[in-house]
Amino acid sequence: MASAAVNPAIVRCALRLLFLGRRDETMGMPALLDSYTADMVRALNDQHDWGWPRYEVVDGELLVTPAPRDWHQRVAFRLARRLAEYLDGEPVGEVLMSPADISWGPKKLVQPDVFVVPIDEAREGGWTAIRHLLLAAEVLSPGSARADRVVKRQLYQREGVPVYWIVDIDAQTVDVWMPESREARTERETLVWHPVGASAPFALAITELFRAV
């Protein structure tokens, strides 16, 4: 999909505001514009090659995540690795990690920390081919609670993502949300996921997810 032209001056101003805001590591930073588009966020992400800070947009609201703690990366990778092992035996989807470009409209673009896409969409190749997620997981970072627990959670529910996990390293729990959920189910012992088409469920002990290095 071709990107719409973005005013370079707007991008530069937005970047200045965002990098100034990184001092406080907040998600809801003051922005130059009242509303952002997915193409504008792509332009922001194209300004650097290292993947951080990470820019996303939900219904026009710009979200920014600074570089995470090392434990965030360890837990996210551990979860992705275990999901990959499971999907090797139950090939209903493919697990991926951010950076990503999941877009459900001109003002929506998110980069889940860990997510699973249907195998047929994975085989098509390219971000525009991904129209559904079988699973999304966000590992909380300092300053990301509102974005992960409210803004992105509501988006995933509206878009019909069957299962959304919010991984809380400090509490060592995982909140489980489904599209119809009005409250999260908090897992403290075992994380279970049984996608459609799989003969056996995925299961991961919470202690294993958060085990020390």
C-alpha atoms as a PDB file:
ATOM      1  CA  MET A   1       0.000   0.000   0.000  1.00  0.00           C
ATOM      2  CA  ALA A   2       1.473   3.321  -1.019  1.00  0.00           C
ATOM      3  CA  SER A   3       1.995   5.818   1.793  1.00  0.00           C
ATOM      4  CA  ALA A   4       0.368   9.222   1.596  1.00  0.00           C
ATOM      5  CA  ALA A   5       2.693  12.209   1.387  1.00  0.00           C
ATOM      6  CA  VAL A   6       3.633  13.523   4.804  1.00  0.00           C
ATOM      7  CA  ASN A   7       4.832  17.059   5.419  1.00  0.00           C
ATOM      8  CA  PRO A   8       8.508  16.716   6.483  1.00  0.00           C
ATOM      9  CA  ALA A   9       8.202  19.791   8.708  1.00  0.00           C
ATOM     10  CA  ILE A  10       5.370  18.154  10.656  1.00  0.00           C
ATOM     11  CA  VAL A  11       7.437  15.015  11.115  1.00  0.00           C
ATOM     12  CA  ARG A  12      10.443  16.991  12.345  1.00  0.00           C
ATOM     13  CA  CYS A  13       8.322  18.955  14.835  1.00  0.00           C
ATOM     14  CA  ALA A  14       6.642  15.807  16.063  1.00  0.00           C
ATOM     15  CA  LEU A  15       9.988  14.106  16.538  1.00  0.00           C
ATOM     16  CA  ARG A  16      11.305  17.016  18.603  1.00  0.00           C
ATOM     17  CA  LEU A  17       8.281  16.854  20.877  1.00  0.00           C
ATOM     18  CA  LEU A  18       8.490  13.090  21.201  1.00  0.00           C
ATOM     19  CA  PHE A  19      12.179  12.994  22.050  1.00  0.00           C
ATOM     20  CA  LEU A  20      11.740  15.778  24.605  1.00  0.00           C
ATOM     21  CA  GLY A  21       8.941  13.746  26.151  1.00  0.00           C
ATOM     22  CA  ARG A  22      11.192  10.699  26.495  1.00  0.00           C
ATOM     23  CA  ARG A  23      12.761  12.319  29.555  1.00  0.00           C
ATOM     24  CA  ASP A  24       9.620  11.388  31.463  1.00  0.00           C
ATOM     25  CA  GLU A  25       9.089   8.115  29.573  1.00  0.00           C
ATOM     26  CA  THR A  26       5.368   8.756  29.254  1.00  0.00           C
ATOM     27  CA  MET A  27       2.966   7.336  26.717  1.00  0.00           C
ATOM     28  CA  GLY A  28       0.567  10.273  26.390  1.00  0.00           C
ATOM     29  CA  MET A  29       2.966  13.019  25.377  1.00  0.00           C
ATOM     30  CA  PRO A  30       1.859  16.492  24.275  1.00  0.00           C
ATOM     31  CA  ALA A  31       1.662  16.352  20.486  1.00  0.00           C
ATOM     32  CA  LEU A  32       1.793  19.046  17.864  1.00  0.00           C
ATOM     33  CA  LEU A  33      -1.273  17.690  16.109  1.00  0.00           C
ATOM     34  CA  ASP A  34      -4.675  16.727  17.447  1.00  0.00           C
ATOM     35  CA  SER A  35      -4.770  13.593  15.295  1.00  0.00           C
ATOM     36  CA  TYR A  36      -2.194  11.370  13.613  1.00  0.00           C
ATOM     37  CA  THR A  37      -2.499   8.847  10.802  1.00  0.00           C
ATOM     38  CA  ALA A  38      -0.869   5.482  10.229  1.00  0.00           C
ATOM     39  CA  ASP A  39       1.180   6.964   7.378  1.00  0.00           C
ATOM     40  CA  MET A  40       2.485   9.723   9.629  1.00  0.00           C
ATOM     41  CA  VAL A  41       3.508   7.125  12.214  1.00  0.00           C
ATOM     42  CA  ARG A  42       5.270   5.104   9.518  1.00  0.00           C
ATOM     43  CA  ALA A  43       7.192   8.263   8.616  1.00  0.00           C
ATOM     44  CA  LEU A  44       8.192   8.725  12.262  1.00  0.00           C
ATOM     45  CA  ASN A  45       9.348   5.118  12.507  1.00  0.00           C
ATOM     46  CA  ASP A  46      11.347   5.509   9.299  1.00  0.00           C
ATOM     47  CA  GLN A  47      13.465   8.221  10.940  1.00  0.00           C
ATOM     48  CA  HIS A  48      15.590   5.608  12.701  1.00  0.00           C
ATOM     49  CA  ASP A  49      16.747   2.044  12.238  1.00  0.00           C
ATOM     50  CA  TRP A  50      17.052   0.762  15.794  1.00  0.00           C
ATOM     51  CA  GLY A  51      13.352   0.283  16.531  1.00  0.00           C
ATOM     52  CA  TRP A  52      13.098   2.609  19.548  1.00  0.00           C
ATOM     53  CA  PRO A  53      11.313   4.715  20.469  1.00  0.00           C
ATOM     54  CA  ARG A  54       8.354   2.830  19.009  1.00  0.00           C
ATOM     55  CA  TYR A  55       5.520   4.896  17.550  1.00  0.00           C
ATOM     56  CA  GLU A  56       1.920   3.692  17.251  1.00  0.00           C
ATOM     57  CA  VAL A  57      -1.430   5.336  16.642  1.00  0.00           C
ATOM     58  CA  VAL A  58      -4.915   4.324  17.816  1.00  0.00           C
ATOM     59  CA  ASP A  59      -7.886   6.300  16.516  1.00  0.00           C
ATOM     60  CA  GLY A  60      -5.592   9.232  15.818  1.00  0.00           C
ATOM     61  CA  GLU A  61      -3.924   9.212  19.265  1.00  0.00           C
ATOM     62  CA  LEU A  62      -0.142   9.022  19.027  1.00  0.00           C
ATOM     63  CA  LEU A  63       1.534   6.523  21.379  1.00  0.00           C
ATOM     64  CA  VAL A  64       5.275   6.304  21.932  1.00  0.00           C
ATOM     65  CA  THR A  65       7.260   3.683  23.814  1.00  0.00           C
ATOM     66  CA  PRO A  66      10.885   4.382  24.765  1.00  0.00           C
ATOM     67  CA  ALA A  67      13.488   1.632  24.782  1.00  0.00           C
ATOM     68  CA  PRO A  68      12.314  -1.021  27.272  1.00  0.00           C
ATOM     69  CA  ARG A  69      14.086  -2.534  30.238  1.00  0.00           C
ATOM     70  CA  ASP A  70      16.244  -5.580  29.580  1.00  0.00           C
ATOM     71  CA  TRP A  71      13.720  -7.754  31.470  1.00  0.00           C
ATOM     72  CA  HIS A  72      11.000  -6.684  29.065  1.00  0.00           C
ATOM     73  CA  GLN A  73      13.016  -8.067  26.173  1.00  0.00           C
ATOM     74  CA  ARG A  74      13.871 -11.295  27.970  1.00  0.00           C
ATOM     75  CA  VAL A  75      10.251 -12.020  28.867  1.00  0.00           C
ATOM     76  CA  ALA A  76       8.943 -11.076  25.413  1.00  0.00           C
ATOM     77  CA  PHE A  77      11.533 -13.287  23.710  1.00  0.00           C
ATOM     78  CA  ARG A  78      10.871 -16.158  26.128  1.00  0.00           C
ATOM     79  CA  LEU A  79       7.152 -15.995  25.385  1.00  0.00           C
ATOM     80  CA  ALA A  80       7.725 -15.813  21.624  1.00  0.00           C
ATOM     81  CA  ARG A  81      10.131 -18.759  21.711  1.00  0.00           C
ATOM     82  CA  ARG A  82       7.699 -20.964  23.612  1.00  0.00           C
ATOM     83  CA  LEU A  83       4.869 -20.013  21.250  1.00  0.00           C
ATOM     84  CA  ALA A  84       7.090 -20.810  18.271  1.00  0.00           C
ATOM     85  CA  GLU A  85       7.870 -24.249  19.706  1.00  0.00           C
ATOM     86  CA  TYR A  86       4.166 -24.876  20.213  1.00  0.00           C
ATOM     87  CA  LEU A  87       3.247 -23.707  16.697  1.00  0.00           C
ATOM     88  CA  ASP A  88       5.877 -26.029  15.198  1.00  0.00           C
ATOM     89  CA  GLY A  89       3.651 -28.870  16.332  1.00  0.00           C
ATOM     90  CA  GLU A  90       0.325 -27.048  15.866  1.00  0.00           C
ATOM     91  CA  PRO A  91       0.861 -25.065  12.634  1.00  0.00           C
ATOM     92  CA  VAL A  92      -2.211 -22.841  12.836  1.00  0.00           C
ATOM     93  CA  GLY A  93      -0.217 -19.619  12.805  1.00  0.00           C
ATOM     94  CA  GLU A  94       3.164 -17.932  12.990  1.00  0.00           C
ATOM     95  CA  VAL A  95       4.519 -15.971  15.937  1.00  0.00           C
ATOM     96  CA  LEU A  96       6.128 -12.595  15.305  1.00  0.00           C
ATOM     97  CA  MET A  97       7.519  -9.757  17.418  1.00  0.00           C
ATOM     98  CA  SER A  98       7.729  -5.991  17.109  1.00  0.00           C
ATOM     99  CA  PRO A  99       8.769  -3.919  15.238  1.00  0.00           C
ATOM    100  CA  ALA A 100       5.657  -4.490  13.159  1.00  0.00           C
ATOM    101  CA  ASP A 101       3.018  -2.676  11.122  1.00  0.00           C
ATOM    102  CA  ILE A 102      -0.427  -3.957  12.046  1.00  0.00           C
ATOM    103  CA  SER A 103      -3.016  -1.547  10.678  1.00  0.00           C
ATOM    104  CA  TRP A 104      -6.807  -1.754  10.700  1.00  0.00           C
ATOM    105  CA  GLY A 105      -7.445   1.626   9.154  1.00  0.00           C
ATOM    106  CA  PRO A 106      -5.926   5.002   8.249  1.00  0.00           C
ATOM    107  CA  LYS A 107      -5.619   6.084  11.909  1.00  0.00           C
ATOM    108  CA  LYS A 108      -4.665   2.739  13.444  1.00  0.00           C
ATOM    109  CA  LEU A 109      -1.194   1.189  13.516  1.00  0.00           C
ATOM    110  CA  VAL A 110       0.132  -0.942  16.371  1.00  0.00           C
ATOM    111  CA  GLN A 111       3.206  -3.006  17.119  1.00  0.00           C
ATOM    112  CA  PRO A 112       2.365  -5.745  19.621  1.00  0.00           C
ATOM    113  CA  ASP A 113       5.364  -7.059  21.535  1.00  0.00           C
ATOM    114  CA  VAL A 114       4.442 -10.639  20.592  1.00  0.00           C
ATOM    115  CA  PHE A 115       1.634 -11.760  18.298  1.00  0.00           C
ATOM    116  CA  VAL A 116       0.424 -14.704  16.236  1.00  0.00           C
ATOM    117  CA  VAL A 117      -0.942 -14.326  12.710  1.00  0.00           C
ATOM    118  CA  PRO A 118      -2.982 -16.941  10.806  1.00  0.00           C
ATOM    119  CA  ILE A 119      -0.789 -19.218   8.721  1.00  0.00           C
ATOM    120  CA  ASP A 120      -2.482 -18.310   5.426  1.00  0.00           C
ATOM    121  CA  GLU A 121      -1.879 -14.594   5.994  1.00  0.00           C
ATOM    122  CA  ALA A 122       1.702 -15.262   7.076  1.00  0.00           C
ATOM    123  CA  ARG A 123       2.316 -17.099   3.795  1.00  0.00           C
ATOM    124  CA  GLU A 124       1.060 -14.147   1.731  1.00  0.00           C
ATOM    125  CA  GLY A 125       3.951 -12.005   2.947  1.00  0.00           C
ATOM    126  CA  GLY A 126       4.004  -8.294   3.739  1.00  0.00           C
ATOM    127  CA  TRP A 127       2.313  -6.352   6.513  1.00  0.00           C
ATOM    128  CA  THR A 128      -0.680  -5.430   4.364  1.00  0.00           C
ATOM    129  CA  ALA A 129      -1.529  -9.148   4.128  1.00  0.00           C
ATOM    130  CA  ILE A 130      -2.041  -9.359   7.891  1.00  0.00           C
ATOM    131  CA  ARG A 131      -5.686  -8.590   8.582  1.00  0.00           C
ATOM    132  CA  HIS A 132      -6.247 -10.740  11.671  1.00  0.00           C
ATOM    133  CA  LEU A 133      -4.376 -11.695  14.822  1.00  0.00           C
ATOM    134  CA  LEU A 134      -4.937 -14.976  16.632  1.00  0.00           C
ATOM    135  CA  LEU A 135      -3.178 -13.671  19.738  1.00  0.00           C
ATOM    136  CA  ALA A 136      -1.612 -10.411  20.885  1.00  0.00           C
ATOM    137  CA  ALA A 137       0.622  -9.896  23.921  1.00  0.00           C
ATOM    138  CA  GLU A 138       2.039  -6.723  25.419  1.00  0.00           C
ATOM    139  CA  VAL A 139       4.731  -6.758  28.101  1.00  0.00           C
ATOM    140  CA  LEU A 140       4.251  -3.765  30.373  1.00  0.00           C
ATOM    141  CA  SER A 141       6.993  -1.150  30.491  1.00  0.00           C
ATOM    142  CA  PRO A 142       7.301   1.906  32.724  1.00  0.00           C
ATOM    143  CA  GLY A 143       4.845   4.413  31.322  1.00  0.00           C
ATOM    144  CA  SER A 144       2.997   1.968  29.045  1.00  0.00           C
ATOM    145  CA  ALA A 145       0.214   0.943  31.441  1.00  0.00           C
ATOM    146  CA  ARG A 146      -2.485   3.212  30.010  1.00  0.00           C
ATOM    147  CA  ALA A 147      -1.643   2.368  26.398  1.00  0.00           C
ATOM    148  CA  ASP A 148      -1.489  -1.392  27.007  1.00  0.00           C
ATOM    149  CA  ARG A 149      -4.280  -1.743  29.563  1.00  0.00           C
ATOM    150  CA  VAL A 150      -6.764   0.705  28.048  1.00  0.00           C
ATOM    151  CA  VAL A 151      -6.070   2.143  24.592  1.00  0.00           C
ATOM    152  CA  LYS A 152      -4.635  -0.906  22.841  1.00  0.00           C
ATOM    153  CA  ARG A 153      -6.766  -3.336  24.830  1.00  0.00           C
ATOM    154  CA  GLN A 154      -9.938  -1.630  23.627  1.00  0.00           C
ATOM    155  CA  LEU A 155      -8.619  -1.647  20.058  1.00  0.00           C
ATOM    156  CA  TYR A 156      -7.802  -5.370  20.173  1.00  0.00           C
ATOM    157  CA  GLN A 157     -11.252  -6.096  21.559  1.00  0.00           C
ATOM    158  CA  ARG A 158     -12.987  -4.012  18.880  1.00  0.00           C
ATOM    159  CA  GLU A 159     -10.966  -5.711  16.141  1.00  0.00           C
ATOM    160  CA  GLY A 160     -11.946  -9.144  17.442  1.00  0.00           C
ATOM    161  CA  VAL A 161      -8.506 -10.390  18.501  1.00  0.00           C
ATOM    162  CA  PRO A 162      -9.500 -13.675  20.210  1.00  0.00           C
ATOM    163  CA  VAL A 163      -6.990 -13.431  23.071  1.00  0.00           C
ATOM    164  CA  TYR A 164      -4.972 -10.515  24.424  1.00  0.00           C
ATOM    165  CA  TRP A 165      -2.345 -11.010  27.141  1.00  0.00           C
ATOM    166  CA  ILE A 166      -1.016  -8.176  29.295  1.00  0.00           C
ATOM    167  CA  VAL A 167       2.204  -9.420  30.844  1.00  0.00           C
ATOM    168  CA  ASP A 168       3.107  -7.686  34.117  1.00  0.00           C
ATOM    169  CA  ILE A 169       6.708  -8.429  35.042  1.00  0.00           C
ATOM    170  CA  ASP A 170       6.576  -6.633  38.398  1.00  0.00           C
ATOM    171  CA  ALA A 171       3.424  -8.449  39.578  1.00  0.00           C
ATOM    172  CA  GLN A 172       4.439 -11.668  37.794  1.00  0.00           C
ATOM    173  CA  THR A 173       0.944 -12.111  36.421  1.00  0.00           C
ATOM    174  CA  VAL A 174      -0.725 -12.162  33.014  1.00  0.00           C
ATOM    175  CA  ASP A 175      -4.105 -10.535  32.438  1.00  0.00           C
ATOM    176  CA  VAL A 176      -6.196 -12.335  29.822  1.00  0.00           C
ATOM    177  CA  TRP A 177      -8.735 -10.423  27.718  1.00  0.00           C
ATOM    178  CA  MET A 178     -11.126 -11.640  25.031  1.00  0.00           C
ATOM    179  CA  PRO A 179     -13.410  -9.547  22.803  1.00  0.00           C
ATOM    180  CA  GLU A 180     -16.409 -10.049  25.073  1.00  0.00           C
ATOM    181  CA  SER A 181     -14.518  -9.584  28.354  1.00  0.00           C
ATOM    182  CA  ARG A 182     -15.688  -6.869  30.716  1.00  0.00           C
ATOM    183  CA  GLU A 183     -12.938  -7.680  33.198  1.00  0.00           C
ATOM    184  CA  ALA A 184      -9.559  -9.344  32.858  1.00  0.00           C
ATOM    185  CA  ARG A 185      -8.879 -12.864  34.080  1.00  0.00           C
ATOM    186  CA  THR A 186      -5.571 -12.750  35.926  1.00  0.00           C
ATOM    187  CA  GLU A 187      -3.357 -15.814  35.584  1.00  0.00           C
ATOM    188  CA  ARG A 188      -0.835 -16.496  38.343  1.00  0.00           C
ATOM    189  CA  GLU A 189       0.005 -20.156  37.740  1.00  0.00           C
ATOM    190  CA  THR A 190      -0.421 -21.308  34.125  1.00  0.00           C
ATOM    191  CA  LEU A 191      -0.990 -19.458  30.869  1.00  0.00           C
ATOM    192  CA  VAL A 192      -3.196 -21.502  28.522  1.00  0.00           C
ATOM    193  CA  TRP A 193      -4.196 -20.818  24.929  1.00  0.00           C
ATOM    194  CA  HIS A 194      -6.138 -23.163  22.646  1.00  0.00           C
ATOM    195  CA  PRO A 195      -6.471 -21.637  19.165  1.00  0.00           C
ATOM    196  CA  VAL A 196      -9.071 -22.850  16.695  1.00  0.00           C
ATOM    197  CA  GLY A 197      -7.701 -25.732  14.631  1.00  0.00           C
ATOM    198  CA  ALA A 198      -5.119 -26.873  17.179  1.00  0.00           C
ATOM    199  CA  SER A 199      -5.427 -30.385  18.596  1.00  0.00           C
ATOM    200  CA  ALA A 200      -3.799 -29.503  21.926  1.00  0.00           C
ATOM    201  CA  PRO A 201      -3.521 -26.267  23.901  1.00  0.00           C
ATOM    202  CA  PHE A 202      -0.465 -24.160  24.539  1.00  0.00           C
ATOM    203  CA  ALA A 203       0.473 -24.103  28.215  1.00  0.00           C
ATOM    204  CA  LEU A 204       3.219 -22.168  29.958  1.00  0.00           C
ATOM    205  CA  ALA A 205       3.895 -22.034  33.682  1.00  0.00           C
ATOM    206  CA  ILE A 206       3.978 -18.450  34.944  1.00  0.00           C
ATOM    207  CA  THR A 207       7.081 -19.279  36.975  1.00  0.00           C
ATOM    208  CA  GLU A 208       8.821 -20.315  33.763  1.00  0.00           C
ATOM    209  CA  LEU A 209       7.864 -17.089  32.018  1.00  0.00           C
ATOM    210  CA  PHE A 210       9.293 -14.958  34.819  1.00  0.00           C
ATOM    211  CA  ARG A 211      12.156 -17.193  35.936  1.00  0.00           C
ATOM    212  CA  ALA A 212      15.471 -15.555  36.791  1.00  0.00           C
ATOM    213  CA  VAL A 213      18.263 -15.560  34.223  1.00  0.00           C
END
